[in-house]
C-alpha atoms as a PDB file:
ATOM      1  CA  MET A   1     136.716  63.208  92.847  1.00  0.00           C
ATOM      2  CA  ALA A   2     134.626  60.120  93.513  1.00  0.00           C
ATOM      3  CA  GLN A   3     131.027  60.276  94.606  1.00  0.00           C
ATOM      4  CA  THR A   4     130.171  59.492  98.198  1.00  0.00           C
ATOM      5  CA  VAL A   5     127.517  57.069  99.408  1.00  0.00           C
ATOM      6  CA  THR A   6     125.384  60.064 100.371  1.00  0.00           C
ATOM      7  CA  GLU A   7     125.676  61.553  96.877  1.00  0.00           C
ATOM      8  CA  CYS A   8     124.736  58.245  95.266  1.00  0.00           C
ATOM      9  CA  LEU A   9     121.685  57.909  97.482  1.00  0.00           C
ATOM     10  CA  ALA A  10     120.723  61.520  96.773  1.00  0.00           C
ATOM     11  CA  ALA A  11     120.685  60.613  93.072  1.00  0.00           C
ATOM     12  CA  GLY A  12     117.913  58.136  93.860  1.00  0.00           C
ATOM     13  CA  THR A  13     115.735  60.528  95.837  1.00  0.00           C
ATOM     14  CA  ASP A  14     113.599  61.449  92.822  1.00  0.00           C
ATOM     15  CA  SER A  15     112.871  57.757  92.245  1.00  0.00           C
ATOM     16  CA  VAL A  16     111.834  57.317  95.881  1.00  0.00           C
ATOM     17  CA  THR A  17     109.543  60.345  95.602  1.00  0.00           C
ATOM     18  CA  LEU A  18     107.997  59.172  92.331  1.00  0.00           C
ATOM     19  CA  ILE A  19     107.299  55.626  93.551  1.00  0.00           C
ATOM     20  CA  ASP A  20     105.724  56.888  96.766  1.00  0.00           C
ATOM     21  CA  ALA A  21     103.614  59.448  94.871  1.00  0.00           C
ATOM     22  CA  VAL A  22     102.343  56.903  92.336  1.00  0.00           C
ATOM     23  CA  LYS A  23     101.293  54.589  95.159  1.00  0.00           C
ATOM     24  CA  ALA A  24      99.629  57.460  97.029  1.00  0.00           C
ATOM     25  CA  GLY A  25      97.826  58.561  93.865  1.00  0.00           C
ATOM     26  CA  THR A  26      99.394  62.014  93.938  1.00  0.00           C
ATOM     27  CA  HIS A  27     101.657  61.629  90.895  1.00  0.00           C
ATOM     28  CA  ASP A  28     100.001  62.849  87.690  1.00  0.00           C
ATOM     29  CA  VAL A  29      99.614  59.826  85.449  1.00  0.00           C
ATOM     30  CA  THR A  30      96.939  61.369  83.227  1.00  0.00           C
ATOM     31  CA  GLY A  31      96.934  59.734  79.817  1.00  0.00           C
ATOM     32  CA  LEU A  32      98.975  56.712  80.892  1.00  0.00           C
ATOM     33  CA  THR A  33      97.655  53.178  80.839  1.00  0.00           C
ATOM     34  CA  GLN A  34      98.187  50.992  83.892  1.00  0.00           C
ATOM     35  CA  ALA A  35     100.851  49.107  81.942  1.00  0.00           C
ATOM     36  CA  GLU A  36     102.686  52.382  81.268  1.00  0.00           C
ATOM     37  CA  ILE A  37     102.417  53.394  84.928  1.00  0.00           C
ATOM     38  CA  ASN A  38     103.832  50.024  85.938  1.00  0.00           C
ATOM     39  CA  GLU A  39     106.716  50.502  83.479  1.00  0.00           C
ATOM     40  CA  LEU A  40     107.395  53.932  84.982  1.00  0.00           C
ATOM     41  CA  VAL A  41     107.482  52.489  88.477  1.00  0.00           C
ATOM     42  CA  GLN A  42     109.646  49.561  87.336  1.00  0.00           C
ATOM     43  CA  ARG A  43     112.239  51.875  85.782  1.00  0.00           C
ATOM     44  CA  ASN A  44     112.519  53.702  89.084  1.00  0.00           C
ATOM     45  CA  VAL A  45     112.678  50.457  91.082  1.00  0.00           C
ATOM     46  CA  ASP A  46     115.470  49.308  88.757  1.00  0.00           C
ATOM     47  CA  HIS A  47     117.314  52.617  89.215  1.00  0.00           C
ATOM     48  CA  LEU A  48     117.177  52.332  92.996  1.00  0.00           C
ATOM     49  CA  SER A  49     118.133  48.656  92.926  1.00  0.00           C
ATOM     50  CA  THR A  50     121.208  49.496  90.863  1.00  0.00           C
ATOM     51  CA  ILE A  51     122.262  52.267  93.225  1.00  0.00           C
ATOM     52  CA  LEU A  52     121.808  50.014  96.260  1.00  0.00           C
ATOM     53  CA  LEU A  53     124.211  47.473  94.737  1.00  0.00           C
ATOM     54  CA  TYR A  54     127.080  49.931  94.128  1.00  0.00           C
ATOM     55  CA  GLU A  55     130.316  48.672  95.611  1.00  0.00           C
ATOM     56  CA  PRO A  56     133.964  48.871  94.638  1.00  0.00           C
ATOM     57  CA  ASP A  57     135.546  45.973  92.788  1.00  0.00           C
ATOM     58  CA  ALA A  58     137.619  44.202  95.443  1.00  0.00           C
ATOM     59  CA  SER A  59     140.154  43.122  92.825  1.00  0.00           C
ATOM     60  CA  ASP A  60     140.795  46.706  91.673  1.00  0.00           C
ATOM     61  CA  ALA A  61     142.574  48.835  94.265  1.00  0.00           C
ATOM     62  CA  SER A  62     141.981  51.973  92.201  1.00  0.00           C
ATOM     63  CA  ASP A  63     138.194  51.484  92.008  1.00  0.00           C
ATOM     64  CA  ASP A  64     136.696  54.474  93.818  1.00  0.00           C
ATOM     65  CA  THR A  65     133.072  53.351  93.505  1.00  0.00           C
ATOM     66  CA  PRO A  66     131.328  54.192  96.777  1.00  0.00           C
ATOM     67  CA  ASN A  67     130.270  51.210  98.852  1.00  0.00           C
ATOM     68  CA  VAL A  68     126.526  51.816  98.975  1.00  0.00           C
ATOM     69  CA  LYS A  69     125.887  48.082  99.294  1.00  0.00           C
ATOM     70  CA  GLY A  70     128.002  47.913 102.456  1.00  0.00           C
ATOM     71  CA  ALA A  71     126.759  51.192 103.939  1.00  0.00           C
ATOM     72  CA  ALA A  72     124.749  51.234 107.131  1.00  0.00           C
ATOM     73  CA  SER A  73     121.173  50.178 106.487  1.00  0.00           C
ATOM     74  CA  SER A  74     119.926  53.302 108.267  1.00  0.00           C
ATOM     75  CA  LYS A  75     121.298  55.392 105.376  1.00  0.00           C
ATOM     76  CA  LYS A  76     119.323  53.361 102.841  1.00  0.00           C
ATOM     77  CA  THR A  77     115.989  52.878 104.625  1.00  0.00           C
ATOM     78  CA  THR A  78     113.849  55.058 102.357  1.00  0.00           C
ATOM     79  CA  HIS A  79     115.444  53.655  99.206  1.00  0.00           C
ATOM     80  CA  VAL A  80     114.953  50.028 100.238  1.00  0.00           C
ATOM     81  CA  ALA A  81     111.369  50.800 101.288  1.00  0.00           C
ATOM     82  CA  ALA A  82     110.668  52.434  97.915  1.00  0.00           C
ATOM     83  CA  VAL A  83     111.909  49.336  96.068  1.00  0.00           C
ATOM     84  CA  THR A  84     109.500  47.234  98.127  1.00  0.00           C
ATOM     85  CA  THR A  85     106.669  49.731  97.651  1.00  0.00           C
ATOM     86  CA  GLY A  86     107.231  49.838  93.889  1.00  0.00           C
ATOM     87  CA  THR A  87     107.461  46.080  93.543  1.00  0.00           C
ATOM     88  CA  ASP A  88     104.296  45.604  95.594  1.00  0.00           C
ATOM     89  CA  TYR A  89     102.487  48.293  93.585  1.00  0.00           C
ATOM     90  CA  ILE A  90     103.313  46.582  90.293  1.00  0.00           C
ATOM     91  CA  ALA A  91     102.238  43.188  91.634  1.00  0.00           C
ATOM     92  CA  ALA A  92      98.893  44.641  92.753  1.00  0.00           C
ATOM     93  CA  ASN A  93      98.254  46.474  89.500  1.00  0.00           C
END
């Protein structure tokens, strides 16, 4: 059974939480350099960006990839915001 858009977005919830916590200063980054923290945030930004681009291959009728890219923006608000937050955090640090 194929994943749904909701399931795909749920898979990114930990990344949203981590990015928001790093920015808020509530994620434990003890022992990490700023470069390592930025790499951690970037990995999570990349993960969310990948999820947000999921869409079925239009040339493959059997492709059951959920269309996250074409889903209503209201379903993706927190994920899109976290990508922006993470990108801005890295630029500032």
